[in-house]
Amino acid sequence: MGGRKMPRDEENAYGFQESRSALQERRLRLLLAGRSGTGKSATGNTILQRKHFLSRLAATAVTRACATGSCRWASWDVEVLDTPDLFSPEVAQADPGFEERGRCYLLSAPGPHAVLLVTQLGRFTAQDLRAWRGVKALFGAGIAARTIVVFTRREDLEGGSLQQYVRDTDNRALRELVAECGGRCCAFNNQAADGEREAQVRELMRLVEELVRDHGGAPYTNDVYRLAQTLGGLSPEERLRRVSKRLAAGRAVAVAHGSTWTWCKLGLAALLGALFLLYLLCRRRPE
């Protein structure tokens, strides 16, 4: 599958459409995720076949806010959402009001057809694992069924097989991640020549189309996306306020549940400890 890519006029802010099958509207929404510094923006530019997202080598994160780009691929209208650091534990300090995470939801509504989890070949670290946990915390555990792992620095394979690399790596966390995502993975060299880059995008789009068929063309959805769908008549500012409020409330509930479970475990441990001490005392009593 191939096709010339061309930019499409950007829609108005949060101008999402009523949820319809991708097979009906021939539109795909791809959401770039992962930790900062892995090449998300460069990967987005490769998919768009033009330099659209700001991308450069830097010691600190370059992408500061969610941004969208669009292109035409074969018969598909493709929308790509680039994201800042929304998935690391530090997001609580960087986005305390959940505004940027709310924008991520609204810009990808009524839901992504695929999440592209970007990581560097040979450099899957504890930070990447925490970012993946952050993706699931933001969108729900079900997002794994819509995720494709995209490795950057394909050139480091030196012509070898990506599947063999994943199978043979001693990085257990990476093997488990790819397995959790149904084995869906591909690799990009974002510095490759045009022909090679188009072949890479073709491979990715094959995986995306398989996901679309497997889910009957429906995008991923959850309670927050369903809320966003009901807010179409409101101003962009009010939509953002309500979605951010829902995300903050959901996070508070998750933290409360986590705290309750922690106290339950501590209480159980204390009870078992007391019973064990009682057992020892009983054994030492003289007959």
Protein backbone atom coordinates (compact mmCIF):
# COMPACT_ATOMS: atom_id res chain seq x y z
CA MET A 1 0.00 0.00 0.00
CA GLY A 2 1.34 3.43 -0.79
CA GLY A 3 0.18 6.86 -1.68
CA ARG A 4 1.25 10.46 -1.86
CA LYS A 5 0.83 12.36 1.41
CA MET A 6 -0.59 15.85 1.46
CA PRO A 7 -1.58 18.21 4.23
CA ARG A 8 -5.23 18.67 5.02
CA ASP A 9 -6.75 21.82 6.46
CA GLU A 10 -6.77 21.70 10.25
CA GLU A 11 -10.17 21.53 11.89
CA ASN A 12 -11.25 24.02 14.52
CA ALA A 13 -10.11 23.41 18.08
CA TYR A 14 -11.69 20.23 19.51
CA GLY A 15 -13.78 19.94 16.34
CA PHE A 16 -14.24 16.22 16.73
CA GLN A 17 -16.88 14.47 14.70
CA GLU A 18 -19.67 12.24 15.88
CA SER A 19 -18.23 8.78 16.49
CA ARG A 20 -18.44 6.71 13.33
CA SER A 21 -16.61 3.70 12.02
CA ALA A 22 -13.23 4.45 10.47
CA LEU A 23 -14.26 2.08 7.71
CA GLN A 24 -17.17 4.44 6.96
CA GLU A 25 -15.40 7.78 7.16
CA ARG A 26 -11.91 6.55 6.08
CA ARG A 27 -10.29 8.56 8.86
CA LEU A 28 -7.62 7.35 11.26
CA ARG A 29 -6.48 9.01 14.47
CA LEU A 30 -2.99 8.09 15.67
CA LEU A 31 -1.76 9.20 19.10
CA LEU A 32 1.98 9.36 19.81
CA ALA A 33 2.91 8.37 23.37
CA GLY A 34 6.01 7.54 25.40
CA ARG A 35 8.64 9.31 27.44
CA SER A 36 10.36 12.48 26.28
CA GLY A 37 13.45 12.11 24.13
CA THR A 38 12.50 8.93 22.30
CA GLY A 39 11.69 10.61 18.99
CA LYS A 40 7.90 10.98 19.12
CA SER A 41 7.86 14.23 17.15
CA ALA A 42 10.34 12.94 14.55
CA THR A 43 8.21 9.81 14.17
CA GLY A 44 5.15 11.99 13.63
CA ASN A 45 7.02 13.90 10.93
CA THR A 46 7.96 10.65 9.21
CA ILE A 47 4.31 9.61 9.13
CA LEU A 48 3.25 13.02 7.80
CA GLN A 49 6.16 12.97 5.31
CA ARG A 50 7.04 16.57 6.15
CA LYS A 51 8.54 18.52 9.04
CA HIS A 52 5.47 19.59 10.96
CA PHE A 53 6.22 18.92 14.63
CA LEU A 54 9.19 20.63 16.26
CA SER A 55 11.94 18.03 16.60
CA ARG A 56 15.57 18.45 17.58
CA LEU A 57 18.21 16.93 19.83
CA ALA A 58 17.97 18.59 23.24
CA ALA A 59 18.74 17.88 26.88
CA THR A 60 15.19 18.82 27.91
CA ALA A 61 11.77 18.10 26.40
CA VAL A 62 11.14 19.98 23.14
CA THR A 63 7.38 19.34 22.87
CA ARG A 64 5.53 21.43 25.46
CA ALA A 65 1.91 21.04 24.35
CA CYS A 66 -0.25 18.66 22.35
CA ALA A 67 -0.18 19.33 18.61
CA THR A 68 -1.93 17.79 15.63
CA GLY A 69 -1.00 17.22 12.01
CA SER A 70 -2.79 15.54 9.14
CA CYS A 71 -2.05 13.91 5.81
CA ARG A 72 -3.52 11.67 3.19
CA TRP A 73 -2.30 8.10 2.99
CA ALA A 74 -3.78 5.94 0.22
CA SER A 75 -7.55 6.21 0.87
CA TRP A 76 -7.17 7.34 4.49
CA ASP A 77 -7.32 10.76 6.07
CA VAL A 78 -4.75 10.40 8.84
CA GLU A 79 -4.64 12.63 11.92
CA VAL A 80 -1.54 12.45 14.13
CA LEU A 81 -1.47 13.80 17.69
CA ASP A 82 1.94 14.57 19.17
CA THR A 83 2.11 14.76 22.96
CA PRO A 84 4.42 16.33 25.55
CA ASP A 85 5.47 14.53 28.72
CA LEU A 86 2.00 13.49 29.90
CA PHE A 87 2.92 9.99 31.01
CA SER A 88 5.80 10.24 33.50
CA PRO A 89 5.30 10.61 37.27
CA GLU A 90 6.42 14.24 36.91
CA VAL A 91 3.20 15.11 35.05
CA ALA A 92 1.53 15.81 38.41
CA GLN A 93 3.81 18.83 38.79
CA ALA A 94 3.85 19.86 35.12
CA ASP A 95 0.07 19.58 34.64
CA PRO A 96 -1.51 19.96 38.09
CA GLY A 97 -4.87 21.08 36.73
CA PHE A 98 -5.10 18.29 34.12
CA GLU A 99 -5.53 20.90 31.36
CA GLU A 100 -2.95 19.40 28.98
CA ARG A 101 -4.21 15.90 29.57
CA GLY A 102 -7.71 17.22 28.92
CA ARG A 103 -6.51 18.77 25.65
CA CYS A 104 -5.01 15.40 24.71
CA TYR A 105 -8.42 13.80 25.12
CA LEU A 106 -10.28 16.51 23.24
CA LEU A 107 -7.83 16.63 20.34
CA SER A 108 -8.03 12.86 19.90
CA ALA A 109 -11.81 12.57 20.44
CA PRO A 110 -13.89 10.57 19.79
CA GLY A 111 -10.88 8.33 20.39
CA PRO A 112 -7.68 7.10 18.74
CA HIS A 113 -7.67 4.14 16.39
CA ALA A 114 -4.10 3.38 17.46
CA VAL A 115 -1.65 4.55 20.10
CA LEU A 116 1.95 4.56 18.91
CA LEU A 117 4.18 3.94 21.92
CA VAL A 118 7.58 5.28 20.87
CA THR A 119 10.82 3.98 22.40
CA GLN A 120 14.43 3.88 21.25
CA LEU A 121 15.88 0.61 20.04
CA GLY A 122 18.29 -0.76 22.64
CA ARG A 123 17.35 1.91 25.18
CA PHE A 124 14.18 0.66 26.86
CA THR A 125 14.66 1.85 30.44
CA ALA A 126 12.73 2.13 33.69
CA GLN A 127 11.61 5.57 32.46
CA ASP A 128 9.99 3.97 29.41
CA LEU A 129 8.25 1.44 31.62
CA ARG A 130 6.94 4.21 33.88
CA ALA A 131 5.71 6.10 30.82
CA TRP A 132 3.83 3.00 29.64
CA ARG A 133 2.20 2.71 33.04
CA GLY A 134 1.31 6.39 32.71
CA VAL A 135 -0.36 5.73 29.35
CA LYS A 136 -2.54 3.05 30.94
CA ALA A 137 -3.26 5.28 33.93
CA LEU A 138 -4.48 8.06 31.63
CA PHE A 139 -6.48 6.01 29.12
CA GLY A 140 -7.24 2.77 30.97
CA ALA A 141 -5.66 -0.69 30.80
CA GLY A 142 -7.70 -1.49 27.68
CA ILE A 143 -5.49 0.85 25.64
CA ALA A 144 -2.94 -1.98 25.33
CA ALA A 145 -5.25 -3.63 22.79
CA ARG A 146 -4.90 -0.52 20.59
CA THR A 147 -1.15 0.05 21.02
CA ILE A 148 1.68 -0.47 18.55
CA VAL A 149 5.26 -0.25 19.85
CA VAL A 150 7.33 1.90 17.48
CA PHE A 151 11.10 1.65 17.87
CA THR A 152 13.18 4.57 16.66
CA ARG A 153 16.80 4.19 15.49
CA ARG A 154 15.94 1.31 13.17
CA GLU A 155 19.39 1.81 11.65
CA ASP A 156 20.89 0.21 14.78
CA LEU A 157 19.41 -3.12 13.68
CA GLU A 158 21.98 -3.05 10.85
CA GLY A 159 19.67 -5.05 8.61
CA GLY A 160 18.65 -7.52 11.32
CA SER A 161 15.12 -8.62 12.19
CA LEU A 162 13.17 -6.53 14.69
CA GLN A 163 11.12 -9.57 15.71
CA GLN A 164 14.30 -11.53 16.43
CA TYR A 165 15.70 -8.59 18.41
CA VAL A 166 12.59 -8.50 20.61
CA ARG A 167 12.57 -12.27 21.00
CA ASP A 168 16.26 -12.49 21.93
CA THR A 169 16.63 -9.39 24.12
CA ASP A 170 17.52 -9.97 27.76
CA ASN A 171 15.29 -6.97 28.66
CA ARG A 172 12.38 -8.85 30.18
CA ALA A 173 10.29 -5.70 30.65
CA LEU A 174 10.53 -4.96 26.91
CA ARG A 175 9.52 -8.49 25.95
CA GLU A 176 6.54 -8.29 28.29
CA LEU A 177 5.51 -4.90 26.91
CA VAL A 178 5.49 -6.09 23.30
CA ALA A 179 3.57 -9.21 24.34
CA GLU A 180 1.04 -7.07 26.24
CA CYS A 181 0.52 -5.08 23.02
CA GLY A 182 -0.25 -8.24 21.06
CA GLY A 183 3.20 -8.45 19.48
CA ARG A 184 2.51 -5.36 17.36
CA CYS A 185 5.74 -3.49 16.71
CA CYS A 186 7.72 -1.84 13.94
CA ALA A 187 10.85 0.26 13.62
CA PHE A 188 11.60 3.68 12.11
CA ASN A 189 14.78 5.35 10.94
CA ASN A 190 13.59 8.94 11.01
CA GLN A 191 16.71 10.07 9.10
CA ALA A 192 16.17 7.67 6.19
CA ALA A 193 15.73 8.70 2.57
CA ASP A 194 12.23 9.26 1.20
CA GLY A 195 11.76 5.79 -0.27
CA GLU A 196 12.83 4.00 2.90
CA ARG A 197 10.69 6.25 5.06
CA GLU A 198 7.64 5.55 2.91
CA ALA A 199 8.27 1.81 3.27
CA GLN A 200 8.43 2.23 7.05
CA VAL A 201 5.13 4.10 7.11
CA ARG A 202 3.61 1.42 4.89
CA GLU A 203 4.60 -1.22 7.45
CA LEU A 204 3.10 0.84 10.28
CA MET A 205 -0.12 1.48 8.38
CA ARG A 206 -0.50 -2.23 7.74
CA LEU A 207 -0.52 -2.77 11.51
CA VAL A 208 -2.96 0.12 12.01
CA GLU A 209 -5.33 -1.23 9.36
CA GLU A 210 -5.27 -4.65 11.03
CA LEU A 211 -6.23 -3.00 14.32
CA VAL A 212 -9.06 -1.11 12.62
CA ARG A 213 -10.43 -4.30 11.06
CA ASP A 214 -10.10 -6.24 14.33
CA HIS A 215 -12.24 -3.61 16.10
CA GLY A 216 -14.79 -3.15 13.35
CA GLY A 217 -13.53 0.35 12.54
CA ALA A 218 -14.48 1.73 15.98
CA PRO A 219 -11.99 3.95 17.80
CA TYR A 220 -10.86 3.30 21.35
CA THR A 221 -13.22 4.79 23.87
CA ASN A 222 -13.73 5.12 27.62
CA ASP A 223 -15.82 7.20 30.02
CA VAL A 224 -13.81 10.39 29.38
CA TYR A 225 -14.11 10.10 25.60
CA ARG A 226 -17.83 9.43 25.98
CA LEU A 227 -18.11 12.57 28.11
CA ALA A 228 -16.27 14.57 25.45
CA GLN A 229 -18.80 13.37 22.89
CA THR A 230 -21.65 14.91 24.86
CA LEU A 231 -20.05 18.38 25.01
CA GLY A 232 -20.18 19.29 21.33
CA GLY A 233 -22.46 22.30 21.82
CA LEU A 234 -20.25 23.99 24.40
CA SER A 235 -17.34 26.37 23.93
CA PRO A 236 -13.81 24.87 23.66
CA GLU A 237 -12.95 26.40 27.04
CA GLU A 238 -15.94 24.80 28.75
CA ARG A 239 -15.26 21.43 27.13
CA LEU A 240 -11.70 21.56 28.41
CA ARG A 241 -12.83 22.56 31.90
CA ARG A 242 -15.27 19.67 32.17
CA VAL A 243 -12.94 17.03 30.76
CA SER A 244 -10.08 18.21 33.00
CA LYS A 245 -12.40 18.09 36.00
CA ARG A 246 -13.40 14.50 35.16
CA LEU A 247 -9.76 13.46 34.83
CA ALA A 248 -8.88 15.08 38.16
CA ALA A 249 -11.80 13.35 39.86
CA GLY A 250 -10.80 10.00 38.38
CA ARG A 251 -7.24 10.44 39.59
CA ALA A 252 -8.46 11.29 43.10
CA VAL A 253 -10.55 8.11 43.18
CA ALA A 254 -7.59 6.03 41.97
CA VAL A 255 -5.33 7.51 44.64
CA ALA A 256 -7.96 6.89 47.31
CA HIS A 257 -8.37 3.27 46.23
CA GLY A 258 -4.62 2.83 46.21
CA SER A 259 -4.33 4.28 49.71
CA THR A 260 -7.15 2.07 50.98
CA TRP A 261 -5.51 -1.03 49.52
CA THR A 262 -2.16 -0.03 51.03
CA TRP A 263 -3.71 0.34 54.48
CA CYS A 264 -5.51 -2.99 54.05
CA LYS A 265 -2.22 -4.70 53.24
CA LEU A 266 -0.52 -3.05 56.22
CA GLY A 267 -3.38 -4.07 58.48
CA LEU A 268 -3.27 -7.65 57.24
CA ALA A 269 0.49 -7.76 57.72
CA ALA A 270 0.11 -6.44 61.28
CA LEU A 271 -2.60 -9.02 62.05
CA LEU A 272 -0.52 -11.89 60.68
CA GLY A 273 2.48 -10.64 62.67
CA ALA A 274 0.43 -10.54 65.88
CA LEU A 275 -0.91 -14.06 65.27
CA PHE A 276 2.60 -15.34 64.66
CA LEU A 277 3.87 -13.80 67.89
CA LEU A 278 0.91 -15.32 69.75
CA TYR A 279 1.76 -18.70 68.23
CA LEU A 280 5.38 -18.40 69.41
CA LEU A 281 4.30 -17.41 72.91
CA CYS A 282 1.92 -20.35 73.12
CA ARG A 283 4.65 -22.77 72.06
CA ARG A 284 6.99 -21.50 74.78
CA ARG A 285 4.48 -21.95 77.61
CA PRO A 286 5.57 -24.72 79.97
CA GLU A 287 3.42 -27.82 80.01
